[in-house]
C-alpha atoms as a PDB file:
ATOM      1  CA  MET A   1       7.975 -26.101 -17.029  1.00  0.00           C
ATOM      2  CA  SER A   2      10.408 -23.343 -17.953  1.00  0.00           C
ATOM      3  CA  GLU A   3      13.291 -22.304 -15.761  1.00  0.00           C
ATOM      4  CA  THR A   4      11.539 -19.055 -14.815  1.00  0.00           C
ATOM      5  CA  ASP A   5       8.366 -20.964 -13.902  1.00  0.00           C
ATOM      6  CA  VAL A   6      10.390 -23.225 -11.649  1.00  0.00           C
ATOM      7  CA  GLN A   7      12.056 -20.246  -9.964  1.00  0.00           C
ATOM      8  CA  LYS A   8       8.691 -18.519  -9.481  1.00  0.00           C
ATOM      9  CA  ARG A   9       7.252 -21.633  -7.851  1.00  0.00           C
ATOM     10  CA  LYS A  10      10.308 -22.015  -5.627  1.00  0.00           C
ATOM     11  CA  ASN A  11      10.032 -18.378  -4.533  1.00  0.00           C
ATOM     12  CA  HIS A  12       6.346 -18.842  -3.764  1.00  0.00           C
ATOM     13  CA  LEU A  13       6.993 -21.938  -1.658  1.00  0.00           C
ATOM     14  CA  ILE A  14       9.832 -20.237   0.225  1.00  0.00           C
ATOM     15  CA  LYS A  15       7.540 -17.284   1.044  1.00  0.00           C
ATOM     16  CA  GLU A  16       4.844 -19.673   2.249  1.00  0.00           C
ATOM     17  CA  LEU A  17       7.331 -21.536   4.445  1.00  0.00           C
ATOM     18  CA  HIS A  18       8.636 -18.260   5.866  1.00  0.00           C
ATOM     19  CA  ARG A  19       5.046 -17.331   6.783  1.00  0.00           C
ATOM     20  CA  MET A  20       4.982 -20.532   8.815  1.00  0.00           C
ATOM     21  CA  GLU A  21       8.281 -19.436  10.394  1.00  0.00           C
ATOM     22  CA  ILE A  22      10.246 -22.179   8.665  1.00  0.00           C
ATOM     23  CA  TYR A  23      13.643 -20.995   7.479  1.00  0.00           C
ATOM     24  CA  GLN A  24      15.501 -24.267   7.005  1.00  0.00           C
ATOM     25  CA  THR A  25      14.819 -27.984   6.808  1.00  0.00           C
ATOM     26  CA  SER A  26      14.919 -30.247   9.838  1.00  0.00           C
ATOM     27  CA  ASP A  27      18.369 -31.410   8.732  1.00  0.00           C
ATOM     28  CA  GLY A  28      19.670 -27.827   8.542  1.00  0.00           C
ATOM     29  CA  ARG A  29      19.573 -27.120   4.789  1.00  0.00           C
ATOM     30  CA  GLN A  30      18.667 -23.601   3.701  1.00  0.00           C
ATOM     31  CA  LEU A  31      15.417 -23.339   1.746  1.00  0.00           C
ATOM     32  CA  ASN A  32      16.999 -21.494  -1.192  1.00  0.00           C
ATOM     33  CA  SER A  33      19.373 -24.417  -1.773  1.00  0.00           C
ATOM     34  CA  LEU A  34      16.585 -26.982  -2.206  1.00  0.00           C
ATOM     35  CA  THR A  35      15.226 -28.383  -5.435  1.00  0.00           C
ATOM     36  CA  LEU A  36      11.629 -27.685  -6.365  1.00  0.00           C
ATOM     37  CA  SER A  37      10.560 -31.188  -5.382  1.00  0.00           C
ATOM     38  CA  ASP A  38      12.271 -30.858  -1.977  1.00  0.00           C
ATOM     39  CA  LEU A  39      10.542 -27.503  -1.418  1.00  0.00           C
ATOM     40  CA  GLU A  40       7.188 -29.026  -2.368  1.00  0.00           C
ATOM     41  CA  TRP A  41       7.778 -31.824   0.128  1.00  0.00           C
ATOM     42  CA  GLU A  42       8.753 -29.388   2.900  1.00  0.00           C
ATOM     43  CA  HIS A  43       5.655 -27.296   2.199  1.00  0.00           C
ATOM     44  CA  ILE A  44       3.334 -30.313   2.313  1.00  0.00           C
ATOM     45  CA  THR A  45       4.958 -31.545   5.517  1.00  0.00           C
ATOM     46  CA  ALA A  46       4.631 -28.115   7.144  1.00  0.00           C
ATOM     47  CA  ARG A  47       0.966 -27.796   6.144  1.00  0.00           C
ATOM     48  CA  CYS A  48       0.215 -31.241   7.573  1.00  0.00           C
ATOM     49  CA  GLU A  49       1.958 -30.277  10.818  1.00  0.00           C
ATOM     50  CA  VAL A  50      -0.085 -27.065  11.077  1.00  0.00           C
ATOM     51  CA  ALA A  51      -3.294 -29.010  10.451  1.00  0.00           C
ATOM     52  CA  ARG A  52      -2.349 -31.579  13.082  1.00  0.00           C
ATOM     53  CA  HIS A  53      -1.805 -28.874  15.707  1.00  0.00           C
ATOM     54  CA  ALA A  54      -5.003 -27.050  14.747  1.00  0.00           C
ATOM     55  CA  SER A  55      -7.073 -30.167  15.416  1.00  0.00           C
ATOM     56  CA  TYR A  56      -6.051 -30.333  19.100  1.00  0.00           C
END
């Protein structure tokens, strides 16, 4: 994956997290300072949380 591909994916994940009103991690880190793998993990966690609340 090229550097620009990585940045594009990071930007996409940050936009998706912002749509879910998530602007930082639970430990206070800003999204733009995270690695791609950390952003992927945050996105998966957030989607699981949304799904959990939707099932109630």
